[in-house]
C-alpha atoms as a PDB file:
ATOM      1  CA  MET A   1     119.702 141.187  98.195  1.00  0.00           C
ATOM      2  CA  GLN A   2     121.401 140.276 101.442  1.00  0.00           C
ATOM      3  CA  ASP A   3     124.410 142.382 102.350  1.00  0.00           C
ATOM      4  CA  ALA A   4     126.928 139.576 102.323  1.00  0.00           C
ATOM      5  CA  ARG A   5     129.802 138.559 100.122  1.00  0.00           C
ATOM      6  CA  ILE A   6     131.357 135.146 100.052  1.00  0.00           C
ATOM      7  CA  ALA A   7     134.870 134.560  98.737  1.00  0.00           C
ATOM      8  CA  THR A   8     134.925 130.923  97.747  1.00  0.00           C
ATOM      9  CA  GLY A   9     136.162 128.451  95.222  1.00  0.00           C
ATOM     10  CA  PHE A  10     133.001 126.419  95.808  1.00  0.00           C
ATOM     11  CA  PRO A  11     130.290 127.453  93.289  1.00  0.00           C
ATOM     12  CA  SER A  12     126.643 127.195  94.249  1.00  0.00           C
ATOM     13  CA  GLU A  13     123.649 128.414  92.285  1.00  0.00           C
ATOM     14  CA  ALA A  14     121.559 127.875  95.410  1.00  0.00           C
ATOM     15  CA  LEU A  15     123.345 130.709  97.219  1.00  0.00           C
ATOM     16  CA  ILE A  16     122.817 133.079  94.303  1.00  0.00           C
ATOM     17  CA  GLN A  17     119.123 132.233  94.288  1.00  0.00           C
ATOM     18  CA  GLN A  18     118.986 133.144  97.983  1.00  0.00           C
ATOM     19  CA  GLY A  19     120.257 136.653  97.159  1.00  0.00           C
ATOM     20  CA  TYR A  20     123.889 136.298  98.187  1.00  0.00           C
ATOM     21  CA  ARG A  21     126.597 137.988  96.139  1.00  0.00           C
ATOM     22  CA  LEU A  22     129.506 135.653  95.428  1.00  0.00           C
ATOM     23  CA  LEU A  23     133.142 136.564  94.882  1.00  0.00           C
ATOM     24  CA  HIS A  24     134.882 133.520  93.422  1.00  0.00           C
ATOM     25  CA  ALA A  25     138.569 132.879  93.961  1.00  0.00           C
ATOM     26  CA  GLY A  26     140.459 130.266  91.963  1.00  0.00           C
ATOM     27  CA  SER A  27     143.423 130.121  94.343  1.00  0.00           C
ATOM     28  CA  ALA A  28     144.534 131.117  97.816  1.00  0.00           C
ATOM     29  CA  ALA A  29     146.470 134.085  96.416  1.00  0.00           C
ATOM     30  CA  GLU A  30     143.436 135.316  94.506  1.00  0.00           C
ATOM     31  CA  ALA A  31     141.273 134.856  97.609  1.00  0.00           C
ATOM     32  CA  MET A  32     143.661 137.054  99.606  1.00  0.00           C
ATOM     33  CA  GLN A  33     143.565 139.746  96.916  1.00  0.00           C
ATOM     34  CA  ILE A  34     139.771 139.818  97.046  1.00  0.00           C
ATOM     35  CA  PHE A  35     139.718 139.713 100.840  1.00  0.00           C
ATOM     36  CA  SER A  36     142.176 142.589 101.216  1.00  0.00           C
ATOM     37  CA  ARG A  37     140.271 144.823  98.771  1.00  0.00           C
ATOM     38  CA  ALA A  38     136.670 144.244  99.889  1.00  0.00           C
ATOM     39  CA  ASP A  39     135.582 145.564 103.284  1.00  0.00           C
ATOM     40  CA  ASP A  40     132.034 144.144 103.271  1.00  0.00           C
ATOM     41  CA  ILE A  41     132.748 140.399 103.185  1.00  0.00           C
ATOM     42  CA  ALA A  42     130.739 138.710 105.930  1.00  0.00           C
ATOM     43  CA  VAL A  43     131.259 135.010 105.188  1.00  0.00           C
ATOM     44  CA  VAL A  44     134.243 133.181 103.702  1.00  0.00           C
ATOM     45  CA  ILE A  45     134.125 129.566 102.514  1.00  0.00           C
ATOM     46  CA  ILE A  46     137.550 127.940 102.215  1.00  0.00           C
ATOM     47  CA  ASP A  47     138.122 124.687 100.355  1.00  0.00           C
ATOM     48  CA  LEU A  48     140.716 122.877 102.457  1.00  0.00           C
ATOM     49  CA  ALA A  49     141.646 120.620  99.556  1.00  0.00           C
ATOM     50  CA  GLU A  50     142.968 123.678  97.677  1.00  0.00           C
ATOM     51  CA  ALA A  51     143.996 126.208 100.314  1.00  0.00           C
ATOM     52  CA  GLY A  52     144.409 124.501 103.666  1.00  0.00           C
ATOM     53  CA  LEU A  53     144.269 126.109 107.081  1.00  0.00           C
ATOM     54  CA  SER A  54     147.040 128.595 106.268  1.00  0.00           C
ATOM     55  CA  LEU A  55     144.571 130.734 104.297  1.00  0.00           C
ATOM     56  CA  LEU A  56     142.168 130.745 107.240  1.00  0.00           C
ATOM     57  CA  ASN A  57     144.892 131.848 109.654  1.00  0.00           C
ATOM     58  CA  THR A  58     146.115 134.571 107.289  1.00  0.00           C
ATOM     59  CA  MET A  59     142.608 135.969 106.787  1.00  0.00           C
ATOM     60  CA  ARG A  60     141.905 135.907 110.493  1.00  0.00           C
ATOM     61  CA  GLY A  61     145.076 137.908 111.087  1.00  0.00           C
ATOM     62  CA  LEU A  62     143.945 140.598 108.645  1.00  0.00           C
ATOM     63  CA  GLY A  63     140.197 140.509 109.338  1.00  0.00           C
ATOM     64  CA  SER A  64     138.212 142.837 111.570  1.00  0.00           C
ATOM     65  CA  GLY A  65     136.758 140.082 113.738  1.00  0.00           C
ATOM     66  CA  ALA A  66     133.342 140.481 112.088  1.00  0.00           C
ATOM     67  CA  VAL A  67     133.885 137.770 109.475  1.00  0.00           C
ATOM     68  CA  GLU A  68     132.662 134.175 109.801  1.00  0.00           C
ATOM     69  CA  TYR A  69     134.488 131.274 108.147  1.00  0.00           C
ATOM     70  CA  LEU A  70     133.199 127.935 106.804  1.00  0.00           C
ATOM     71  CA  LEU A  71     135.660 125.184 105.890  1.00  0.00           C
ATOM     72  CA  PHE A  72     134.811 122.829 103.025  1.00  0.00           C
ATOM     73  CA  CYS A  73     136.578 119.473 103.168  1.00  0.00           C
ATOM     74  CA  ASP A  74     136.382 115.743 102.442  1.00  0.00           C
ATOM     75  CA  ARG A  75     134.818 113.428 104.990  1.00  0.00           C
ATOM     76  CA  SER A  76     138.272 112.036 105.632  1.00  0.00           C
ATOM     77  CA  GLY A  77     139.690 115.452 106.413  1.00  0.00           C
ATOM     78  CA  THR A  78     140.880 116.232 109.911  1.00  0.00           C
ATOM     79  CA  ALA A  79     139.512 119.167 111.868  1.00  0.00           C
ATOM     80  CA  ASP A  80     142.268 121.308 113.354  1.00  0.00           C
ATOM     81  CA  ALA A  81     140.589 124.725 113.521  1.00  0.00           C
ATOM     82  CA  GLN A  82     138.455 125.582 116.511  1.00  0.00           C
ATOM     83  CA  ASP A  83     135.218 127.626 116.441  1.00  0.00           C
ATOM     84  CA  VAL A  84     134.818 127.047 112.705  1.00  0.00           C
ATOM     85  CA  GLU A  85     132.068 125.005 111.071  1.00  0.00           C
ATOM     86  CA  TYR A  86     133.083 122.280 108.620  1.00  0.00           C
ATOM     87  CA  LEU A  87     131.098 121.419 105.495  1.00  0.00           C
ATOM     88  CA  THR A  88     131.883 117.937 104.201  1.00  0.00           C
ATOM     89  CA  ARG A  89     131.449 116.645 100.676  1.00  0.00           C
ATOM     90  CA  PRO A  90     128.888 116.089  99.390  1.00  0.00           C
ATOM     91  CA  VAL A  91     126.989 119.066 100.821  1.00  0.00           C
ATOM     92  CA  SER A  92     123.354 119.606  99.876  1.00  0.00           C
ATOM     93  CA  ASP A  93     121.990 122.971  98.779  1.00  0.00           C
ATOM     94  CA  ALA A  94     119.859 123.090 101.926  1.00  0.00           C
ATOM     95  CA  GLY A  95     122.846 122.324 104.152  1.00  0.00           C
ATOM     96  CA  LEU A  96     125.001 124.960 102.463  1.00  0.00           C
ATOM     97  CA  ILE A  97     122.275 127.620 102.640  1.00  0.00           C
ATOM     98  CA  ALA A  98     121.633 126.872 106.319  1.00  0.00           C
ATOM     99  CA  ALA A  99     125.336 127.087 107.206  1.00  0.00           C
ATOM    100  CA  VAL A 100     125.844 130.339 105.287  1.00  0.00           C
ATOM    101  CA  SER A 101     122.672 131.869 106.767  1.00  0.00           C
ATOM    102  CA  ASP A 102     123.793 130.968 110.273  1.00  0.00           C
ATOM    103  CA  ALA A 103     127.283 132.386 109.709  1.00  0.00           C
ATOM    104  CA  TYR A 104     125.885 135.531 108.076  1.00  0.00           C
ATOM    105  CA  ASN A 105     123.619 136.249 111.055  1.00  0.00           C
ATOM    106  CA  VAL A 106     126.544 135.845 113.458  1.00  0.00           C
ATOM    107  CA  ALA A 107     128.717 138.203 111.360  1.00  0.00           C
ATOM    108  CA  ARG A 108     125.903 140.747 111.162  1.00  0.00           C
ATOM    109  CA  MET A 109     125.513 140.815 114.943  1.00  0.00           C
ATOM    110  CA  GLN A 110     129.291 141.124 115.402  1.00  0.00           C
ATOM    111  CA  ARG A 111     129.379 144.128 113.056  1.00  0.00           C
ATOM    112  CA  PHE A 112     126.436 145.690 114.859  1.00  0.00           C
ATOM    113  CA  ARG A 113     128.208 145.328 118.206  1.00  0.00           C
ATOM    114  CA  LEU A 114     131.466 146.717 116.819  1.00  0.00           C
ATOM    115  CA  ALA A 115     129.572 149.728 115.463  1.00  0.00           C
ATOM    116  CA  GLU A 116     127.908 150.220 118.840  1.00  0.00           C
ATOM    117  CA  MET A 117     131.279 150.080 120.612  1.00  0.00           C
ATOM    118  CA  GLN A 118     132.756 152.613 118.182  1.00  0.00           C
ATOM    119  CA  SER A 119     129.786 154.934 118.671  1.00  0.00           C
ATOM    120  CA  LEU A 120     130.093 154.599 122.440  1.00  0.00           C
ATOM    121  CA  GLU A 121     133.807 155.394 122.333  1.00  0.00           C
ATOM    122  CA  GLU A 122     133.135 158.498 120.220  1.00  0.00           C
ATOM    123  CA  SER A 123     130.399 159.625 122.618  1.00  0.00           C
ATOM    124  CA  LEU A 124     132.690 159.130 125.610  1.00  0.00           C
ATOM    125  CA  ALA A 125     135.460 161.099 123.920  1.00  0.00           C
ATOM    126  CA  GLN A 126     133.052 163.939 123.136  1.00  0.00           C
ATOM    127  CA  PHE A 127     131.722 163.933 126.700  1.00  0.00           C
ATOM    128  CA  LYS A 128     135.266 164.017 128.066  1.00  0.00           C
ATOM    129  CA  ALA A 129     136.151 166.983 125.857  1.00  0.00           C
ATOM    130  CA  GLN A 130     133.012 168.881 126.873  1.00  0.00           C
ATOM    131  CA  THR A 131     133.636 168.151 130.548  1.00  0.00           C
ATOM    132  CA  GLN A 132     137.222 169.373 130.336  1.00  0.00           C
ATOM    133  CA  ALA A 133     136.072 172.556 128.563  1.00  0.00           C
ATOM    134  CA  ALA A 134     133.447 173.217 131.231  1.00  0.00           C
ATOM    135  CA  ILE A 135     135.988 172.705 134.043  1.00  0.00           C
ATOM    136  CA  SER A 136     138.417 175.059 132.312  1.00  0.00           C
ATOM    137  CA  GLN A 137     135.726 177.750 132.103  1.00  0.00           C
ATOM    138  CA  LEU A 138     134.881 177.356 135.797  1.00  0.00           C
ATOM    139  CA  ILE A 139     138.540 177.635 136.775  1.00  0.00           C
ATOM    140  CA  ALA A 140     138.949 180.744 134.606  1.00  0.00           C
ATOM    141  CA  ARG A 141     135.911 182.408 136.185  1.00  0.00           C
ATOM    142  CA  ALA A 142     137.121 181.588 139.670  1.00  0.00           C
ATOM    143  CA  GLN A 143     140.542 183.070 138.936  1.00  0.00           C
ATOM    144  CA  ASN A 144     138.918 186.238 137.590  1.00  0.00           C
ATOM    145  CA  GLY A 145     136.785 186.610 140.714  1.00  0.00           C
ATOM    146  CA  HIS A 146     133.513 185.882 138.985  1.00  0.00           C
ATOM    147  CA  GLY A 147     131.084 183.287 140.133  1.00  0.00           C
ATOM    148  CA  ALA A 148     129.688 180.828 137.717  1.00  0.00           C
ATOM    149  CA  ALA A 149     126.611 182.075 135.957  1.00  0.00           C
ATOM    150  CA  ALA A 150     123.405 180.381 136.945  1.00  0.00           C
ATOM    151  CA  PRO A 151     122.188 178.108 134.210  1.00  0.00           C
ATOM    152  CA  HIS A 152     119.058 179.151 132.379  1.00  0.00           C
ATOM    153  CA  PRO A 153     116.109 176.976 133.268  1.00  0.00           C
ATOM    154  CA  SER A 154     115.195 174.649 130.440  1.00  0.00           C
ATOM    155  CA  PRO A 155     111.692 174.989 129.064  1.00  0.00           C
ATOM    156  CA  ALA A 156     109.154 172.491 130.344  1.00  0.00           C
ATOM    157  CA  MET A 157     108.700 169.455 128.137  1.00  0.00           C
ATOM    158  CA  ASP A 158     105.565 169.577 126.058  1.00  0.00           C
ATOM    159  CA  ASP A 159     103.800 166.303 126.829  1.00  0.00           C
ATOM    160  CA  THR A 160     100.910 166.842 124.435  1.00  0.00           C
ATOM    161  CA  GLY A 161     102.872 165.315 121.559  1.00  0.00           C
ATOM    162  CA  LEU A 162     103.722 162.244 123.640  1.00  0.00           C
ATOM    163  CA  ALA A 163     100.121 161.268 124.368  1.00  0.00           C
ATOM    164  CA  PRO A 164      99.367 159.685 120.944  1.00  0.00           C
ATOM    165  CA  PHE A 165     102.698 157.854 120.965  1.00  0.00           C
ATOM    166  CA  ILE A 166     102.124 156.490 124.465  1.00  0.00           C
ATOM    167  CA  GLY A 167      98.606 155.431 123.530  1.00  0.00           C
ATOM    168  CA  ASP A 168      99.830 153.570 120.434  1.00  0.00           C
ATOM    169  CA  GLU A 169     102.562 151.802 122.387  1.00  0.00           C
ATOM    170  CA  LEU A 170     100.115 150.716 125.085  1.00  0.00           C
ATOM    171  CA  ASN A 171      97.693 149.405 122.470  1.00  0.00           C
ATOM    172  CA  ARG A 172     100.457 147.449 120.777  1.00  0.00           C
ATOM    173  CA  ALA A 173     101.616 145.963 124.078  1.00  0.00           C
ATOM    174  CA  ARG A 174      98.070 144.960 125.052  1.00  0.00           C
ATOM    175  CA  LEU A 175      97.490 143.314 121.672  1.00  0.00           C
ATOM    176  CA  ARG A 176     100.813 141.453 121.830  1.00  0.00           C
ATOM    177  CA  GLU A 177      99.900 140.106 125.249  1.00  0.00           C
ATOM    178  CA  LYS A 178      96.411 139.136 124.039  1.00  0.00           C
ATOM    179  CA  LEU A 179      97.701 137.274 120.967  1.00  0.00           C
ATOM    180  CA  PHE A 180     101.043 135.847 122.124  1.00  0.00           C
ATOM    181  CA  GLY A 181     100.660 135.764 125.900  1.00  0.00           C
ATOM    182  CA  PRO A 182     103.266 137.074 128.387  1.00  0.00           C
ATOM    183  CA  VAL A 183     106.132 136.081 126.057  1.00  0.00           C
ATOM    184  CA  GLY A 184     104.953 138.742 123.582  1.00  0.00           C
ATOM    185  CA  LEU A 185     105.601 141.484 126.137  1.00  0.00           C
ATOM    186  CA  ARG A 186     109.182 140.457 126.841  1.00  0.00           C
ATOM    187  CA  HIS A 187     111.921 141.905 124.678  1.00  0.00           C
ATOM    188  CA  SER A 188     113.524 138.503 124.139  1.00  0.00           C
ATOM    189  CA  GLY A 189     110.292 136.860 123.011  1.00  0.00           C
ATOM    190  CA  TRP A 190     109.227 139.663 120.706  1.00  0.00           C
ATOM    191  CA  MET A 191     112.657 139.974 119.060  1.00  0.00           C
ATOM    192  CA  LEU A 192     112.749 136.221 118.379  1.00  0.00           C
ATOM    193  CA  LEU A 193     109.264 136.345 116.843  1.00  0.00           C
ATOM    194  CA  LEU A 194     110.316 139.257 114.629  1.00  0.00           C
ATOM    195  CA  MET A 195     113.498 137.485 113.469  1.00  0.00           C
ATOM    196  CA  LEU A 196     111.592 134.272 112.670  1.00  0.00           C
ATOM    197  CA  ALA A 197     108.907 136.213 110.798  1.00  0.00           C
ATOM    198  CA  GLU A 198     111.588 138.066 108.821  1.00  0.00           C
ATOM    199  CA  ALA A 199     113.312 134.791 107.914  1.00  0.00           C
ATOM    200  CA  GLN A 200     110.015 133.238 106.837  1.00  0.00           C
ATOM    201  CA  ALA A 201     109.174 136.270 104.689  1.00  0.00           C
ATOM    202  CA  GLY A 202     112.562 135.908 102.991  1.00  0.00           C
ATOM    203  CA  GLY A 203     112.069 132.189 102.385  1.00  0.00           C
ATOM    204  CA  SER A 204     114.867 131.134 104.742  1.00  0.00           C
ATOM    205  CA  GLU A 205     115.130 129.211 107.991  1.00  0.00           C
ATOM    206  CA  LEU A 206     117.076 130.021 111.147  1.00  0.00           C
ATOM    207  CA  THR A 207     118.996 127.743 113.440  1.00  0.00           C
ATOM    208  CA  ILE A 208     118.650 128.312 117.168  1.00  0.00           C
ATOM    209  CA  LYS A 209     122.107 129.891 117.230  1.00  0.00           C
ATOM    210  CA  GLY A 210     121.280 132.083 114.224  1.00  0.00           C
ATOM    211  CA  ALA A 211     117.965 133.189 115.755  1.00  0.00           C
ATOM    212  CA  ALA A 212     119.673 134.079 119.042  1.00  0.00           C
ATOM    213  CA  TYR A 213     122.386 136.173 117.386  1.00  0.00           C
ATOM    214  CA  SER A 214     119.875 137.850 115.036  1.00  0.00           C
ATOM    215  CA  ALA A 215     117.718 138.855 118.005  1.00  0.00           C
ATOM    216  CA  GLY A 216     120.777 140.058 119.944  1.00  0.00           C
ATOM    217  CA  LEU A 217     120.193 137.587 122.784  1.00  0.00           C
ATOM    218  CA  PRO A 218     122.520 135.315 124.741  1.00  0.00           C
ATOM    219  CA  LEU A 219     122.100 131.730 123.601  1.00  0.00           C
ATOM    220  CA  SER A 220     120.943 130.582 127.045  1.00  0.00           C
ATOM    221  CA  SER A 221     118.222 133.259 127.191  1.00  0.00           C
ATOM    222  CA  ALA A 222     117.117 132.476 123.642  1.00  0.00           C
ATOM    223  CA  LEU A 223     116.871 128.756 124.423  1.00  0.00           C
ATOM    224  CA  ARG A 224     114.602 129.388 127.415  1.00  0.00           C
ATOM    225  CA  THR A 225     112.318 131.627 125.364  1.00  0.00           C
ATOM    226  CA  ILE A 226     112.280 129.212 122.424  1.00  0.00           C
ATOM    227  CA  ASN A 227     111.298 126.331 124.704  1.00  0.00           C
ATOM    228  CA  GLU A 228     108.495 128.456 126.153  1.00  0.00           C
ATOM    229  CA  MET A 229     107.176 129.408 122.714  1.00  0.00           C
ATOM    230  CA  CYS A 230     107.412 125.800 121.514  1.00  0.00           C
ATOM    231  CA  ALA A 231     105.280 124.741 124.484  1.00  0.00           C
ATOM    232  CA  GLY A 232     102.779 127.475 123.588  1.00  0.00           C
ATOM    233  CA  GLY A 233     102.560 126.331 119.974  1.00  0.00           C
ATOM    234  CA  LEU A 234     103.983 129.563 118.531  1.00  0.00           C
ATOM    235  CA  ILE A 235     107.129 128.075 116.998  1.00  0.00           C
ATOM    236  CA  SER A 236     108.344 124.618 116.028  1.00  0.00           C
ATOM    237  CA  ARG A 237     111.779 123.068 116.368  1.00  0.00           C
ATOM    238  CA  ARG A 238     113.323 120.364 114.196  1.00  0.00           C
ATOM    239  CA  GLY A 239     116.719 118.724 114.173  1.00  0.00           C
ATOM    240  CA  ASP A 240     119.205 118.937 111.311  1.00  0.00           C
ATOM    241  CA  VAL A 241     119.468 115.518 109.660  1.00  0.00           C
ATOM    242  CA  ARG A 242     123.084 116.285 108.668  1.00  0.00           C
ATOM    243  CA  ASP A 243     124.224 117.630 112.033  1.00  0.00           C
ATOM    244  CA  ALA A 244     122.640 116.332 115.239  1.00  0.00           C
ATOM    245  CA  ARG A 245     124.093 119.278 117.159  1.00  0.00           C
ATOM    246  CA  ARG A 246     122.007 121.817 115.232  1.00  0.00           C
ATOM    247  CA  SER A 247     118.274 122.541 115.263  1.00  0.00           C
ATOM    248  CA  PHE A 248     116.099 124.817 113.161  1.00  0.00           C
ATOM    249  CA  VAL A 249     113.225 126.927 114.503  1.00  0.00           C
ATOM    250  CA  ALA A 250     110.299 128.472 112.624  1.00  0.00           C
ATOM    251  CA  LEU A 251     106.878 129.968 113.248  1.00  0.00           C
ATOM    252  CA  THR A 252     104.076 127.396 113.338  1.00  0.00           C
ATOM    253  CA  PRO A 253     100.861 127.984 111.332  1.00  0.00           C
ATOM    254  CA  LEU A 254      99.378 129.330 114.581  1.00  0.00           C
ATOM    255  CA  GLY A 255     102.337 131.653 115.088  1.00  0.00           C
ATOM    256  CA  ARG A 256     102.122 132.920 111.501  1.00  0.00           C
ATOM    257  CA  SER A 257      98.378 133.473 111.839  1.00  0.00           C
ATOM    258  CA  LEU A 258      98.718 135.445 115.074  1.00  0.00           C
ATOM    259  CA  PHE A 259     101.558 137.515 113.613  1.00  0.00           C
ATOM    260  CA  ALA A 260      99.421 138.329 110.553  1.00  0.00           C
ATOM    261  CA  ARG A 261      96.505 139.365 112.788  1.00  0.00           C
ATOM    262  CA  TYR A 262      98.808 141.596 114.814  1.00  0.00           C
ATOM    263  CA  ALA A 263     100.186 143.325 111.708  1.00  0.00           C
ATOM    264  CA  ALA A 264      96.731 143.713 110.123  1.00  0.00           C
ATOM    265  CA  SER A 265      95.290 145.336 113.248  1.00  0.00           C
ATOM    266  CA  PHE A 266      97.696 148.269 113.064  1.00  0.00           C
ATOM    267  CA  ALA A 267      97.644 148.512 109.278  1.00  0.00           C
ATOM    268  CA  GLN A 268      93.887 149.218 109.460  1.00  0.00           C
ATOM    269  CA  GLN A 269      94.416 152.025 111.955  1.00  0.00           C
ATOM    270  CA  LYS A 270      96.744 153.992 109.661  1.00  0.00           C
END
């Protein structure tokens, strides 16, 4: 089950079948109650016919910045909110699933980056405290007329345990290059292949934007790598019939076959 919750007045059995957990709200007030209580909501779908943009603005003011919003409206509705995707009636199951999947991947990457920033801030605070303590000890020793004690030499690193790990990593890199070419050795290419394989295994499809955010890559870098892999026959790209601005990417039969060979090679060695 995907770790996402969607507060919405728009029911969809298709989303439940994809493994999403739904939190239904019958009104804007009920939606705010759910939103304020739950801290793991990743995607919110707002029906503009019932709630309007005021609910979006209120939620954005209370949210952590790691929540993506989708606005559901009539074709005649006007778009006043920026950086928000609109779903117009009637929306197909495939269109709804694609939009939610894209938004979920963006929210997941935002949460990952926020967690990284928090961890970095904690590490910096700990380093600062340790540095201040060390300086205080040096000052105290100097005032007492004692020189700083020489640090004990650290034991030499035992490299014998690294040899098997290094050998495995080299073998994996050589096989990736043999199967996928130079793109398989680059971090950007390998992360995109992994994200596309994960989506395929889960029965879903990624947009270019969703694939880029899932792989943790800038969109421009992801586009260059995707174009290269399309030219090499590893992945395919198709346009969204409902939105000409959006394209989906997936592993080709060749890409799936090479990925299976890569996985099988290391499974046999274990």
